[in-house]
Amino acid sequence: MTFSIVGQVGDAFGVAVASKFPFVGAVVPEVRLGVGAVATQAMARVSYRGTALAALSDGHDAAAAVEACTTPDDAREHRQLGVVGVDSQATYTGGECMDWAGGACGREATGGYAIQGNILTGPEVVEAMERAWLGSAGGSLTDRLIAALLAGDEAGGDSRGRQGAALYAVAPGAGYDACGVLADVRVDDDPDAPRELARLLRTNDLLFGRPEDVQPLTGDLADEVSARLAQLGHRGDDVTEALERWAGEANYEMRMSPDGIDAKVLAALREATA
């Protein structure tokens, strides 16, 4: 009752999923640093996640991980599974999954991907997701995952409608306190869940991303930032100190840089004072 993509960009792994099923993020995705990522769906068997990741961790490839899950399972014909490891990928669709059901997988220079869905409007959903993934080469893992998910939704997605969506991704040193979590975002019950997920992912990136496109706080830019901060009640002779005070209130600490102001923080400041 779901469509998903499991993807890899270098040492980053993640899963994006959407469904006419609430709380789908609690069931489908599992990701492990340095090992890989898994999506279990259709008549999902949650234990597939641990079994597949254990197989990958033991040095088996993604196809063997799928076999480790499905071979002992008498209900495997009702299941779907996507697995991406460090250097392999596989997708599985049981013969009794509800129409339309199927998947696609492949590998690029930066890593593998596995796409799968069931009770879809048709194969165009998986095809659109694959095109979006391949067409976004060069982007970040989270950007590519959400692009593929939105493309699948726009192509028809789950034939029953929309309700839940989630994106879970990891990379070494990423996230709050360098915990390794790039994104752990869920929409549990929303009539436009994929787009709400995309909005939350942008917020996640703003709060937990690293500084990028940093501009020195000098000249006209320093004057502008100082004036805008004053509008928000943060006045002071030192624009850097005022910026740090506001950023602390707005939860932008992870994007602070001693070299100036992060481009996304600047955009957020301009929006707050427009």
C-alpha atoms as a PDB file:
ATOM      1  CA  MET A   1       0.000   0.000   0.000  1.00  0.00           C
ATOM      2  CA  THR A   2       3.072   2.142  -0.491  1.00  0.00           C
ATOM      3  CA  PHE A   3       5.767   3.495  -2.785  1.00  0.00           C
ATOM      4  CA  SER A   4       9.331   4.034  -1.650  1.00  0.00           C
ATOM      5  CA  ILE A   5      12.898   4.639  -2.727  1.00  0.00           C
ATOM      6  CA  VAL A   6      16.003   3.377  -0.957  1.00  0.00           C
ATOM      7  CA  GLY A   7      19.058   5.352  -2.016  1.00  0.00           C
ATOM      8  CA  GLN A   8      22.770   5.877  -1.549  1.00  0.00           C
ATOM      9  CA  VAL A   9      25.031   8.837  -2.292  1.00  0.00           C
ATOM     10  CA  GLY A  10      28.563   7.934  -1.275  1.00  0.00           C
ATOM     11  CA  ASP A  11      28.553   7.054   2.417  1.00  0.00           C
ATOM     12  CA  ALA A  12      25.038   8.451   2.935  1.00  0.00           C
ATOM     13  CA  PHE A  13      22.041   6.086   2.921  1.00  0.00           C
ATOM     14  CA  GLY A  14      18.337   6.777   3.203  1.00  0.00           C
ATOM     15  CA  VAL A  15      14.718   5.869   2.505  1.00  0.00           C
ATOM     16  CA  ALA A  16      11.777   8.010   1.396  1.00  0.00           C
ATOM     17  CA  VAL A  17       8.261   6.566   1.475  1.00  0.00           C
ATOM     18  CA  ALA A  18       4.652   7.650   0.953  1.00  0.00           C
ATOM     19  CA  SER A  19       1.355   5.817   1.332  1.00  0.00           C
ATOM     20  CA  LYS A  20      -2.368   5.947   1.951  1.00  0.00           C
ATOM     21  CA  PHE A  21      -1.447   4.538   5.327  1.00  0.00           C
ATOM     22  CA  PRO A  22      -0.818   6.555   8.516  1.00  0.00           C
ATOM     23  CA  PHE A  23       2.429   6.337  10.483  1.00  0.00           C
ATOM     24  CA  VAL A  24       4.167   4.721   7.525  1.00  0.00           C
ATOM     25  CA  GLY A  25       7.513   5.991   8.814  1.00  0.00           C
ATOM     26  CA  ALA A  26       7.201   3.714  11.840  1.00  0.00           C
ATOM     27  CA  VAL A  27       6.960   0.598   9.662  1.00  0.00           C
ATOM     28  CA  VAL A  28       8.788   0.886   6.336  1.00  0.00           C
ATOM     29  CA  PRO A  29      12.301   2.407   6.646  1.00  0.00           C
ATOM     30  CA  GLU A  30      15.444   1.333   8.442  1.00  0.00           C
ATOM     31  CA  VAL A  31      18.949   2.705   7.843  1.00  0.00           C
ATOM     32  CA  ARG A  32      22.296   1.926   9.431  1.00  0.00           C
ATOM     33  CA  LEU A  33      25.491   3.977   9.137  1.00  0.00           C
ATOM     34  CA  GLY A  34      28.165   2.279   7.093  1.00  0.00           C
ATOM     35  CA  VAL A  35      25.878  -0.644   6.265  1.00  0.00           C
ATOM     36  CA  GLY A  36      22.902   0.341   4.112  1.00  0.00           C
ATOM     37  CA  ALA A  37      19.158   0.944   4.034  1.00  0.00           C
ATOM     38  CA  VAL A  38      15.974  -1.111   3.781  1.00  0.00           C
ATOM     39  CA  ALA A  39      12.290  -0.526   2.993  1.00  0.00           C
ATOM     40  CA  THR A  40       9.715  -3.222   3.858  1.00  0.00           C
ATOM     41  CA  GLN A  41       6.158  -2.778   2.592  1.00  0.00           C
ATOM     42  CA  ALA A  42       3.021  -4.297   0.995  1.00  0.00           C
ATOM     43  CA  MET A  43       2.084  -6.753   3.766  1.00  0.00           C
ATOM     44  CA  ALA A  44       5.131  -5.370   5.509  1.00  0.00           C
ATOM     45  CA  ARG A  45       7.175  -7.576   7.786  1.00  0.00           C
ATOM     46  CA  VAL A  46       9.025  -5.281  10.170  1.00  0.00           C
ATOM     47  CA  SER A  47      11.584  -7.958  11.033  1.00  0.00           C
ATOM     48  CA  TYR A  48      12.832  -7.818   7.435  1.00  0.00           C
ATOM     49  CA  ARG A  49      14.594  -4.582   8.357  1.00  0.00           C
ATOM     50  CA  GLY A  50      16.848  -6.157  10.957  1.00  0.00           C
ATOM     51  CA  THR A  51      17.385  -9.327   8.962  1.00  0.00           C
ATOM     52  CA  ALA A  52      18.439  -7.468   5.831  1.00  0.00           C
ATOM     53  CA  LEU A  53      20.770  -5.085   7.647  1.00  0.00           C
ATOM     54  CA  ALA A  54      22.344  -7.968   9.553  1.00  0.00           C
ATOM     55  CA  ALA A  55      23.024  -9.751   6.262  1.00  0.00           C
ATOM     56  CA  LEU A  56      24.616  -6.625   4.790  1.00  0.00           C
ATOM     57  CA  SER A  57      26.670  -6.119   7.951  1.00  0.00           C
ATOM     58  CA  ASP A  58      27.942  -9.687   7.658  1.00  0.00           C
ATOM     59  CA  GLY A  59      29.286  -8.950   4.177  1.00  0.00           C
ATOM     60  CA  HIS A  60      26.455 -10.307   2.026  1.00  0.00           C
ATOM     61  CA  ASP A  61      25.172  -8.326  -0.931  1.00  0.00           C
ATOM     62  CA  ALA A  62      21.670  -6.860  -1.275  1.00  0.00           C
ATOM     63  CA  ALA A  63      20.312  -9.828  -3.247  1.00  0.00           C
ATOM     64  CA  ALA A  64      21.455 -12.202  -0.509  1.00  0.00           C
ATOM     65  CA  ALA A  65      19.876  -9.911   2.090  1.00  0.00           C
ATOM     66  CA  VAL A  66      16.552 -10.185   0.229  1.00  0.00           C
ATOM     67  CA  GLU A  67      16.898 -13.963   0.157  1.00  0.00           C
ATOM     68  CA  ALA A  68      17.643 -14.035   3.892  1.00  0.00           C
ATOM     69  CA  CYS A  69      14.340 -12.241   4.486  1.00  0.00           C
ATOM     70  CA  THR A  70      12.080 -13.961   1.983  1.00  0.00           C
ATOM     71  CA  THR A  71      13.241 -17.587   1.822  1.00  0.00           C
ATOM     72  CA  PRO A  72      12.024 -18.612   5.309  1.00  0.00           C
ATOM     73  CA  ASP A  73       8.835 -16.511   5.021  1.00  0.00           C
ATOM     74  CA  ASP A  74       5.715 -18.394   3.896  1.00  0.00           C
ATOM     75  CA  ALA A  75       3.966 -15.057   3.185  1.00  0.00           C
ATOM     76  CA  ARG A  76       6.755 -13.683   0.997  1.00  0.00           C
ATOM     77  CA  GLU A  77       4.504 -13.502  -2.082  1.00  0.00           C
ATOM     78  CA  HIS A  78       2.559 -10.735  -0.318  1.00  0.00           C
ATOM     79  CA  ARG A  79       5.670  -8.684   0.557  1.00  0.00           C
ATOM     80  CA  GLN A  80       7.834  -6.013  -1.036  1.00  0.00           C
ATOM     81  CA  LEU A  81      11.380  -5.162  -0.076  1.00  0.00           C
ATOM     82  CA  GLY A  82      14.056  -2.732  -1.231  1.00  0.00           C
ATOM     83  CA  VAL A  83      17.673  -3.040  -0.064  1.00  0.00           C
ATOM     84  CA  VAL A  84      20.763  -0.945  -0.809  1.00  0.00           C
ATOM     85  CA  GLY A  85      24.163  -1.843   0.603  1.00  0.00           C
ATOM     86  CA  VAL A  86      27.585  -0.283   0.263  1.00  0.00           C
ATOM     87  CA  ASP A  87      28.105  -1.772  -3.211  1.00  0.00           C
ATOM     88  CA  SER A  88      24.860  -3.572  -4.122  1.00  0.00           C
ATOM     89  CA  GLN A  89      21.117  -3.083  -4.462  1.00  0.00           C
ATOM     90  CA  ALA A  90      17.995  -5.201  -4.937  1.00  0.00           C
ATOM     91  CA  THR A  91      14.224  -4.876  -5.050  1.00  0.00           C
ATOM     92  CA  TYR A  92      11.699  -7.652  -4.474  1.00  0.00           C
ATOM     93  CA  THR A  93       7.972  -7.815  -5.252  1.00  0.00           C
ATOM     94  CA  GLY A  94       6.019 -10.916  -4.325  1.00  0.00           C
ATOM     95  CA  GLY A  95       3.729 -12.366  -6.955  1.00  0.00           C
ATOM     96  CA  GLU A  96       0.583 -11.804  -4.887  1.00  0.00           C
ATOM     97  CA  CYS A  97       1.103  -8.109  -4.112  1.00  0.00           C
ATOM     98  CA  MET A  98      -1.917  -6.018  -5.085  1.00  0.00           C
ATOM     99  CA  ASP A  99      -1.863  -4.316  -8.492  1.00  0.00           C
ATOM    100  CA  TRP A 100      -0.136  -2.372  -9.679  1.00  0.00           C
ATOM    101  CA  ALA A 101       3.028  -3.623  -8.003  1.00  0.00           C
ATOM    102  CA  GLY A 102       6.647  -3.659  -9.109  1.00  0.00           C
ATOM    103  CA  GLY A 103      10.022  -2.034  -8.779  1.00  0.00           C
ATOM    104  CA  ALA A 104      13.340  -1.037 -10.321  1.00  0.00           C
ATOM    105  CA  CYS A 105      16.912  -0.813  -9.100  1.00  0.00           C
ATOM    106  CA  GLY A 106      20.295   0.231 -10.389  1.00  0.00           C
ATOM    107  CA  ARG A 107      23.688   1.697  -9.581  1.00  0.00           C
ATOM    108  CA  GLU A 108      25.497   4.918 -10.500  1.00  0.00           C
ATOM    109  CA  ALA A 109      28.972   6.185  -9.722  1.00  0.00           C
ATOM    110  CA  THR A 110      27.800   7.536  -6.344  1.00  0.00           C
ATOM    111  CA  GLY A 111      25.805   4.481  -5.233  1.00  0.00           C
ATOM    112  CA  GLY A 112      22.752   2.322  -5.671  1.00  0.00           C
ATOM    113  CA  TYR A 113      18.993   2.782  -5.536  1.00  0.00           C
ATOM    114  CA  ALA A 114      15.952   0.519  -5.218  1.00  0.00           C
ATOM    115  CA  ILE A 115      12.408   1.699  -5.980  1.00  0.00           C
ATOM    116  CA  GLN A 116       9.242  -0.290  -5.247  1.00  0.00           C
ATOM    117  CA  GLY A 117       5.502   0.238  -4.935  1.00  0.00           C
ATOM    118  CA  ASN A 118       2.192  -1.569  -4.689  1.00  0.00           C
ATOM    119  CA  ILE A 119      -1.464  -0.597  -5.196  1.00  0.00           C
ATOM    120  CA  LEU A 120      -0.083   2.108  -7.492  1.00  0.00           C
ATOM    121  CA  THR A 121      -1.911   3.784 -10.339  1.00  0.00           C
ATOM    122  CA  GLY A 122       0.503   1.987 -12.675  1.00  0.00           C
ATOM    123  CA  PRO A 123       4.148   1.404 -13.637  1.00  0.00           C
ATOM    124  CA  GLU A 124       4.481   5.111 -14.490  1.00  0.00           C
ATOM    125  CA  VAL A 125       4.925   5.794 -10.764  1.00  0.00           C
ATOM    126  CA  VAL A 126       8.120   3.746 -10.489  1.00  0.00           C
ATOM    127  CA  GLU A 127       9.308   5.020 -13.875  1.00  0.00           C
ATOM    128  CA  ALA A 128       8.858   8.653 -12.808  1.00  0.00           C
ATOM    129  CA  MET A 129      10.688   8.035  -9.553  1.00  0.00           C
ATOM    130  CA  GLU A 130      13.623   6.450 -11.360  1.00  0.00           C
ATOM    131  CA  ARG A 131      13.825   9.346 -13.831  1.00  0.00           C
ATOM    132  CA  ALA A 132      13.769  11.877 -10.999  1.00  0.00           C
ATOM    133  CA  TRP A 133      16.476  10.028  -9.073  1.00  0.00           C
ATOM    134  CA  LEU A 134      18.769   9.725 -12.077  1.00  0.00           C
ATOM    135  CA  GLY A 135      17.997  13.271 -13.225  1.00  0.00           C
ATOM    136  CA  SER A 136      19.042  14.728  -9.879  1.00  0.00           C
ATOM    137  CA  ALA A 137      22.550  13.232  -9.953  1.00  0.00           C
ATOM    138  CA  GLY A 138      24.983  15.559  -8.242  1.00  0.00           C
ATOM    139  CA  GLY A 139      22.493  16.632  -5.585  1.00  0.00           C
ATOM    140  CA  SER A 140      22.424  15.666  -1.925  1.00  0.00           C
ATOM    141  CA  LEU A 141      20.901  12.368  -0.851  1.00  0.00           C
ATOM    142  CA  THR A 142      17.916  13.979   0.865  1.00  0.00           C
ATOM    143  CA  ASP A 143      17.215  16.251  -2.102  1.00  0.00           C
ATOM    144  CA  ARG A 144      17.321  13.295  -4.479  1.00  0.00           C
ATOM    145  CA  LEU A 145      15.102  11.119  -2.291  1.00  0.00           C
ATOM    146  CA  ILE A 146      12.410  13.777  -1.950  1.00  0.00           C
ATOM    147  CA  ALA A 147      12.603  14.574  -5.677  1.00  0.00           C
ATOM    148  CA  ALA A 148      11.941  10.929  -6.494  1.00  0.00           C
ATOM    149  CA  LEU A 149       9.114  10.661  -3.980  1.00  0.00           C
ATOM    150  CA  LEU A 150       7.378  13.786  -5.279  1.00  0.00           C
ATOM    151  CA  ALA A 151       7.779  12.584  -8.856  1.00  0.00           C
ATOM    152  CA  GLY A 152       6.109   9.308  -7.961  1.00  0.00           C
ATOM    153  CA  ASP A 153       3.272  11.117  -6.252  1.00  0.00           C
ATOM    154  CA  GLU A 154       2.764  13.430  -9.225  1.00  0.00           C
ATOM    155  CA  ALA A 155       2.677  10.421 -11.549  1.00  0.00           C
ATOM    156  CA  GLY A 156      -0.233   8.953  -9.579  1.00  0.00           C
ATOM    157  CA  GLY A 157       1.319   7.411  -6.502  1.00  0.00           C
ATOM    158  CA  ASP A 158      -0.816   5.217  -4.258  1.00  0.00           C
ATOM    159  CA  SER A 159      -4.081   4.677  -6.133  1.00  0.00           C
ATOM    160  CA  ARG A 160      -6.043   5.065  -2.891  1.00  0.00           C
ATOM    161  CA  GLY A 161      -4.721   8.557  -2.107  1.00  0.00           C
ATOM    162  CA  ARG A 162      -2.337  10.183   0.373  1.00  0.00           C
ATOM    163  CA  GLN A 163      -1.981   9.980   4.138  1.00  0.00           C
ATOM    164  CA  GLY A 164       1.511   9.214   5.473  1.00  0.00           C
ATOM    165  CA  ALA A 165       5.076   9.919   4.352  1.00  0.00           C
ATOM    166  CA  ALA A 166       8.565   9.740   5.836  1.00  0.00           C
ATOM    167  CA  LEU A 167      12.221  10.261   5.023  1.00  0.00           C
ATOM    168  CA  TYR A 168      15.049   8.815   7.076  1.00  0.00           C
ATOM    169  CA  ALA A 169      18.689   9.266   6.061  1.00  0.00           C
ATOM    170  CA  VAL A 170      22.111   8.989   7.688  1.00  0.00           C
ATOM    171  CA  ALA A 171      25.692  10.033   6.915  1.00  0.00           C
ATOM    172  CA  PRO A 172      28.853  10.051   9.048  1.00  0.00           C
ATOM    173  CA  GLY A 173      29.091  13.215  11.148  1.00  0.00           C
ATOM    174  CA  ALA A 174      25.774  14.620   9.932  1.00  0.00           C
ATOM    175  CA  GLY A 175      22.976  16.104  12.002  1.00  0.00           C
ATOM    176  CA  TYR A 176      22.628  17.504  15.478  1.00  0.00           C
ATOM    177  CA  ASP A 177      25.722  16.920  17.600  1.00  0.00           C
ATOM    178  CA  ALA A 178      27.201  15.046  14.613  1.00  0.00           C
ATOM    179  CA  CYS A 179      24.990  12.068  15.548  1.00  0.00           C
ATOM    180  CA  GLY A 180      24.907  10.820  11.960  1.00  0.00           C
ATOM    181  CA  VAL A 181      21.238  11.519  11.202  1.00  0.00           C
ATOM    182  CA  LEU A 182      20.813  13.652   8.079  1.00  0.00           C
ATOM    183  CA  ALA A 183      17.016  13.627   8.376  1.00  0.00           C
ATOM    184  CA  ASP A 184      14.369  11.795  10.380  1.00  0.00           C
ATOM    185  CA  VAL A 185      11.146  13.426   9.220  1.00  0.00           C
ATOM    186  CA  ARG A 186       7.633  12.000   9.320  1.00  0.00           C
ATOM    187  CA  VAL A 187       4.140  13.057   8.307  1.00  0.00           C
ATOM    188  CA  ASP A 188       1.801  10.650  10.034  1.00  0.00           C
ATOM    189  CA  ASP A 189      -1.652  11.801   8.878  1.00  0.00           C
ATOM    190  CA  ASP A 190      -2.059  14.506   6.238  1.00  0.00           C
ATOM    191  CA  PRO A 191      -4.110  14.637   3.016  1.00  0.00           C
ATOM    192  CA  ASP A 192      -1.066  15.979   1.148  1.00  0.00           C
ATOM    193  CA  ALA A 193       1.610  14.057   3.007  1.00  0.00           C
ATOM    194  CA  PRO A 194       4.383  14.042   0.351  1.00  0.00           C
ATOM    195  CA  ARG A 195       4.407  17.826  -0.003  1.00  0.00           C
ATOM    196  CA  GLU A 196       4.174  18.359   3.725  1.00  0.00           C
ATOM    197  CA  LEU A 197       7.162  16.036   4.046  1.00  0.00           C
ATOM    198  CA  ALA A 198       9.075  18.191   1.538  1.00  0.00           C
ATOM    199  CA  ARG A 199       8.284  21.310   3.584  1.00  0.00           C
ATOM    200  CA  LEU A 200       9.455  19.687   6.815  1.00  0.00           C
ATOM    201  CA  LEU A 201      12.606  18.457   5.096  1.00  0.00           C
ATOM    202  CA  ARG A 202      13.478  22.047   4.135  1.00  0.00           C
ATOM    203  CA  THR A 203      13.066  23.055   7.781  1.00  0.00           C
ATOM    204  CA  ASN A 204      15.188  20.103   8.884  1.00  0.00           C
ATOM    205  CA  ASP A 205      17.944  21.183   6.500  1.00  0.00           C
ATOM    206  CA  LEU A 206      17.815  24.764   7.775  1.00  0.00           C
ATOM    207  CA  LEU A 207      18.092  23.707  11.417  1.00  0.00           C
ATOM    208  CA  PHE A 208      20.536  20.803  11.137  1.00  0.00           C
ATOM    209  CA  GLY A 209      22.551  21.535   7.988  1.00  0.00           C
ATOM    210  CA  ARG A 210      26.126  22.801   7.973  1.00  0.00           C
ATOM    211  CA  PRO A 211      27.035  26.378   6.918  1.00  0.00           C
ATOM    212  CA  GLU A 212      27.055  26.883   3.146  1.00  0.00           C
ATOM    213  CA  ASP A 213      27.625  29.814   0.804  1.00  0.00           C
ATOM    214  CA  VAL A 214      28.883  31.897   3.739  1.00  0.00           C
ATOM    215  CA  GLN A 215      29.207  35.639   3.031  1.00  0.00           C
ATOM    216  CA  PRO A 216      31.471  37.924   5.119  1.00  0.00           C
ATOM    217  CA  LEU A 217      29.598  40.342   7.366  1.00  0.00           C
ATOM    218  CA  THR A 218      31.163  43.517   5.983  1.00  0.00           C
ATOM    219  CA  GLY A 219      30.035  46.659   4.219  1.00  0.00           C
ATOM    220  CA  ASP A 220      26.463  46.880   2.967  1.00  0.00           C
ATOM    221  CA  LEU A 221      25.647  43.318   4.009  1.00  0.00           C
ATOM    222  CA  ALA A 222      26.704  43.992   7.598  1.00  0.00           C
ATOM    223  CA  ASP A 223      24.551  47.125   7.624  1.00  0.00           C
ATOM    224  CA  GLU A 224      21.561  45.221   6.249  1.00  0.00           C
ATOM    225  CA  VAL A 225      21.905  42.338   8.723  1.00  0.00           C
ATOM    226  CA  SER A 226      22.324  44.752  11.628  1.00  0.00           C
ATOM    227  CA  ALA A 227      19.197  46.700  10.629  1.00  0.00           C
ATOM    228  CA  ARG A 228      17.131  43.549  10.208  1.00  0.00           C
ATOM    229  CA  LEU A 229      18.300  42.163  13.548  1.00  0.00           C
ATOM    230  CA  ALA A 230      17.360  45.474  15.178  1.00  0.00           C
ATOM    231  CA  GLN A 231      13.817  45.019  13.826  1.00  0.00           C
ATOM    232  CA  LEU A 232      13.707  41.731  15.718  1.00  0.00           C
ATOM    233  CA  GLY A 233      14.967  43.346  18.931  1.00  0.00           C
ATOM    234  CA  HIS A 234      18.630  42.361  18.620  1.00  0.00           C
ATOM    235  CA  ARG A 235      20.564  45.601  18.657  1.00  0.00           C
ATOM    236  CA  GLY A 236      24.267  46.031  19.333  1.00  0.00           C
ATOM    237  CA  ASP A 237      27.510  47.458  18.058  1.00  0.00           C
ATOM    238  CA  ASP A 238      28.772  43.983  17.098  1.00  0.00           C
ATOM    239  CA  VAL A 239      26.605  42.527  14.329  1.00  0.00           C
ATOM    240  CA  THR A 240      28.125  39.073  14.822  1.00  0.00           C
ATOM    241  CA  GLU A 241      27.067  38.965  18.471  1.00  0.00           C
ATOM    242  CA  ALA A 242      23.572  40.176  17.602  1.00  0.00           C
ATOM    243  CA  LEU A 243      23.335  37.519  14.886  1.00  0.00           C
ATOM    244  CA  GLU A 244      24.391  34.799  17.308  1.00  0.00           C
ATOM    245  CA  ARG A 245      21.750  35.888  19.838  1.00  0.00           C
ATOM    246  CA  TRP A 246      18.992  35.785  17.215  1.00  0.00           C
ATOM    247  CA  ALA A 247      20.236  32.507  15.768  1.00  0.00           C
ATOM    248  CA  GLY A 248      20.120  30.968  19.237  1.00  0.00           C
ATOM    249  CA  GLU A 249      16.482  31.967  19.613  1.00  0.00           C
ATOM    250  CA  ALA A 250      15.598  30.747  16.104  1.00  0.00           C
ATOM    251  CA  ASN A 251      17.509  27.429  16.482  1.00  0.00           C
ATOM    252  CA  TYR A 252      20.006  28.185  13.704  1.00  0.00           C
ATOM    253  CA  GLU A 253      23.119  27.548  15.805  1.00  0.00           C
ATOM    254  CA  MET A 254      24.378  24.733  13.590  1.00  0.00           C
ATOM    255  CA  ARG A 255      24.602  27.117  10.621  1.00  0.00           C
ATOM    256  CA  MET A 256      26.678  29.729  12.423  1.00  0.00           C
ATOM    257  CA  SER A 257      30.120  30.389  10.948  1.00  0.00           C
ATOM    258  CA  PRO A 258      33.019  32.547  12.162  1.00  0.00           C
ATOM    259  CA  ASP A 259      33.495  33.606   8.541  1.00  0.00           C
ATOM    260  CA  GLY A 260      30.141  35.368   8.132  1.00  0.00           C
ATOM    261  CA  ILE A 261      26.491  34.530   7.557  1.00  0.00           C
ATOM    262  CA  ASP A 262      25.134  31.332   5.996  1.00  0.00           C
ATOM    263  CA  ALA A 263      23.037  31.890   2.871  1.00  0.00           C
ATOM    264  CA  LYS A 264      19.982  30.068   4.223  1.00  0.00           C
ATOM    265  CA  VAL A 265      20.152  31.917   7.532  1.00  0.00           C
ATOM    266  CA  LEU A 266      20.334  35.182   5.627  1.00  0.00           C
ATOM    267  CA  ALA A 267      17.273  34.182   3.609  1.00  0.00           C
ATOM    268  CA  ALA A 268      15.407  33.282   6.813  1.00  0.00           C
ATOM    269  CA  LEU A 269      16.356  36.635   8.365  1.00  0.00           C
ATOM    270  CA  ARG A 270      15.118  38.516   5.307  1.00  0.00           C
ATOM    271  CA  GLU A 271      11.868  36.566   5.342  1.00  0.00           C
ATOM    272  CA  ALA A 272      11.376  37.266   9.071  1.00  0.00           C
ATOM    273  CA  THR A 273      11.782  41.005   8.509  1.00  0.00           C
ATOM    274  CA  ALA A 274      10.111  41.410   5.124  1.00  0.00           C
END
